[in-house]
Amino acid sequence: MTNPASPLPNTTVSAAASAPFRIARTREEILSAAAARGLAIPVECLEGVEANMALLASHAARLADDGSRVA
């Protein structure tokens, strides 16, 4: 499908790319996702990566919210 939000002409988004995405939250999930992409997370950075993934997950949850809840 065409992505109307893209500034690039003729940019398409696959159905899989537009489907809900599960964000890695646990240390094991984060390390597994990184390894699957050929990335290494240094041990000294892992705590920060975990915190950033939790923050990203909370932002994603707010974006996915239908607006029916009041904060």
C-alpha atoms as a PDB file:
ATOM      1  CA  MET A   1       0.000   0.000   0.000  1.00  0.00           C
ATOM      2  CA  THR A   2       1.182   3.571  -0.596  1.00  0.00           C
ATOM      3  CA  ASN A   3       2.315   5.502   2.442  1.00  0.00           C
ATOM      4  CA  PRO A   4       0.643   8.955   2.278  1.00  0.00           C
ATOM      5  CA  ALA A   5       2.726  10.206   5.214  1.00  0.00           C
ATOM      6  CA  SER A   6       6.024   9.621   3.424  1.00  0.00           C
ATOM      7  CA  PRO A   7       7.810  12.598   1.906  1.00  0.00           C
ATOM      8  CA  LEU A   8       9.271  10.251  -0.690  1.00  0.00           C
ATOM      9  CA  PRO A   9       7.302   9.607  -3.885  1.00  0.00           C
ATOM     10  CA  ASN A  10       6.107   6.070  -4.579  1.00  0.00           C
ATOM     11  CA  THR A  11       7.013   4.860  -1.097  1.00  0.00           C
ATOM     12  CA  THR A  12       5.104   1.757  -0.099  1.00  0.00           C
ATOM     13  CA  VAL A  13       4.486   0.080   3.210  1.00  0.00           C
ATOM     14  CA  SER A  14       3.937  -3.638   3.452  1.00  0.00           C
ATOM     15  CA  ALA A  15       1.030  -4.948   5.469  1.00  0.00           C
ATOM     16  CA  ALA A  16       3.531  -6.487   7.892  1.00  0.00           C
ATOM     17  CA  ALA A  17       5.246  -3.138   8.407  1.00  0.00           C
ATOM     18  CA  SER A  18       1.974  -1.431   9.245  1.00  0.00           C
ATOM     19  CA  ALA A  19       0.873  -4.185  11.644  1.00  0.00           C
ATOM     20  CA  PRO A  20       1.287  -3.652  15.404  1.00  0.00           C
ATOM     21  CA  PHE A  21       4.884  -4.139  16.433  1.00  0.00           C
ATOM     22  CA  ARG A  22       5.863  -5.790  19.699  1.00  0.00           C
ATOM     23  CA  ILE A  23       8.671  -3.939  21.431  1.00  0.00           C
ATOM     24  CA  ALA A  24      11.305  -6.062  23.167  1.00  0.00           C
ATOM     25  CA  ARG A  25      11.077  -5.397  26.914  1.00  0.00           C
ATOM     26  CA  THR A  26      12.973  -8.074  28.828  1.00  0.00           C
ATOM     27  CA  ARG A  27      16.743  -8.368  28.767  1.00  0.00           C
ATOM     28  CA  GLU A  28      16.429 -11.677  26.932  1.00  0.00           C
ATOM     29  CA  GLU A  29      14.062 -10.209  24.313  1.00  0.00           C
ATOM     30  CA  ILE A  30      16.330  -7.206  23.774  1.00  0.00           C
ATOM     31  CA  LEU A  31      19.448  -9.327  23.368  1.00  0.00           C
ATOM     32  CA  SER A  32      17.630 -11.745  21.063  1.00  0.00           C
ATOM     33  CA  ALA A  33      16.270  -8.922  18.881  1.00  0.00           C
ATOM     34  CA  ALA A  34      19.712  -7.319  18.705  1.00  0.00           C
ATOM     35  CA  ALA A  35      21.380 -10.609  17.798  1.00  0.00           C
ATOM     36  CA  ALA A  36      18.793 -11.277  15.080  1.00  0.00           C
ATOM     37  CA  ARG A  37      19.847  -7.982  13.494  1.00  0.00           C
ATOM     38  CA  GLY A  38      23.572  -8.624  13.890  1.00  0.00           C
ATOM     39  CA  LEU A  39      23.931  -6.021  16.654  1.00  0.00           C
ATOM     40  CA  ALA A  40      25.961  -6.390  19.823  1.00  0.00           C
ATOM     41  CA  ILE A  41      24.958  -4.466  22.929  1.00  0.00           C
ATOM     42  CA  PRO A  42      27.913  -3.854  25.245  1.00  0.00           C
ATOM     43  CA  VAL A  43      27.264  -5.015  28.819  1.00  0.00           C
ATOM     44  CA  GLU A  44      27.842  -1.501  30.161  1.00  0.00           C
ATOM     45  CA  CYS A  45      25.063  -0.180  27.858  1.00  0.00           C
ATOM     46  CA  LEU A  46      22.436  -2.838  28.530  1.00  0.00           C
ATOM     47  CA  GLU A  47      20.788  -1.084  31.499  1.00  0.00           C
ATOM     48  CA  GLY A  48      20.355   2.089  29.428  1.00  0.00           C
ATOM     49  CA  VAL A  49      19.014   0.124  26.459  1.00  0.00           C
ATOM     50  CA  GLU A  50      16.462  -1.545  28.744  1.00  0.00           C
ATOM     51  CA  ALA A  51      15.347   1.855  30.082  1.00  0.00           C
ATOM     52  CA  ASN A  52      15.082   3.285  26.565  1.00  0.00           C
ATOM     53  CA  MET A  53      13.043   0.302  25.351  1.00  0.00           C
ATOM     54  CA  ALA A  54      10.636   0.735  28.292  1.00  0.00           C
ATOM     55  CA  LEU A  55      10.276   4.433  27.429  1.00  0.00           C
ATOM     56  CA  LEU A  56       9.712   3.582  23.761  1.00  0.00           C
ATOM     57  CA  ALA A  57       7.073   1.024  24.735  1.00  0.00           C
ATOM     58  CA  SER A  58       5.223   3.611  26.832  1.00  0.00           C
ATOM     59  CA  HIS A  59       5.268   6.094  23.938  1.00  0.00           C
ATOM     60  CA  ALA A  60       4.032   3.411  21.534  1.00  0.00           C
ATOM     61  CA  ALA A  61       1.212   2.526  23.918  1.00  0.00           C
ATOM     62  CA  ARG A  62       0.123   6.172  24.059  1.00  0.00           C
ATOM     63  CA  LEU A  63       0.170   6.437  20.268  1.00  0.00           C
ATOM     64  CA  ALA A  64      -1.836   3.236  19.938  1.00  0.00           C
ATOM     65  CA  ASP A  65      -4.407   4.424  22.501  1.00  0.00           C
ATOM     66  CA  ASP A  66      -7.741   5.301  20.949  1.00  0.00           C
ATOM     67  CA  GLY A  67      -8.084   8.388  23.153  1.00  0.00           C
ATOM     68  CA  SER A  68     -10.911   7.011  25.268  1.00  0.00           C
ATOM     69  CA  ARG A  69      -8.881   7.120  28.468  1.00  0.00           C
ATOM     70  CA  VAL A  70      -8.133  10.304  30.370  1.00  0.00           C
ATOM     71  CA  ALA A  71      -4.615  10.625  31.720  1.00  0.00           C
END
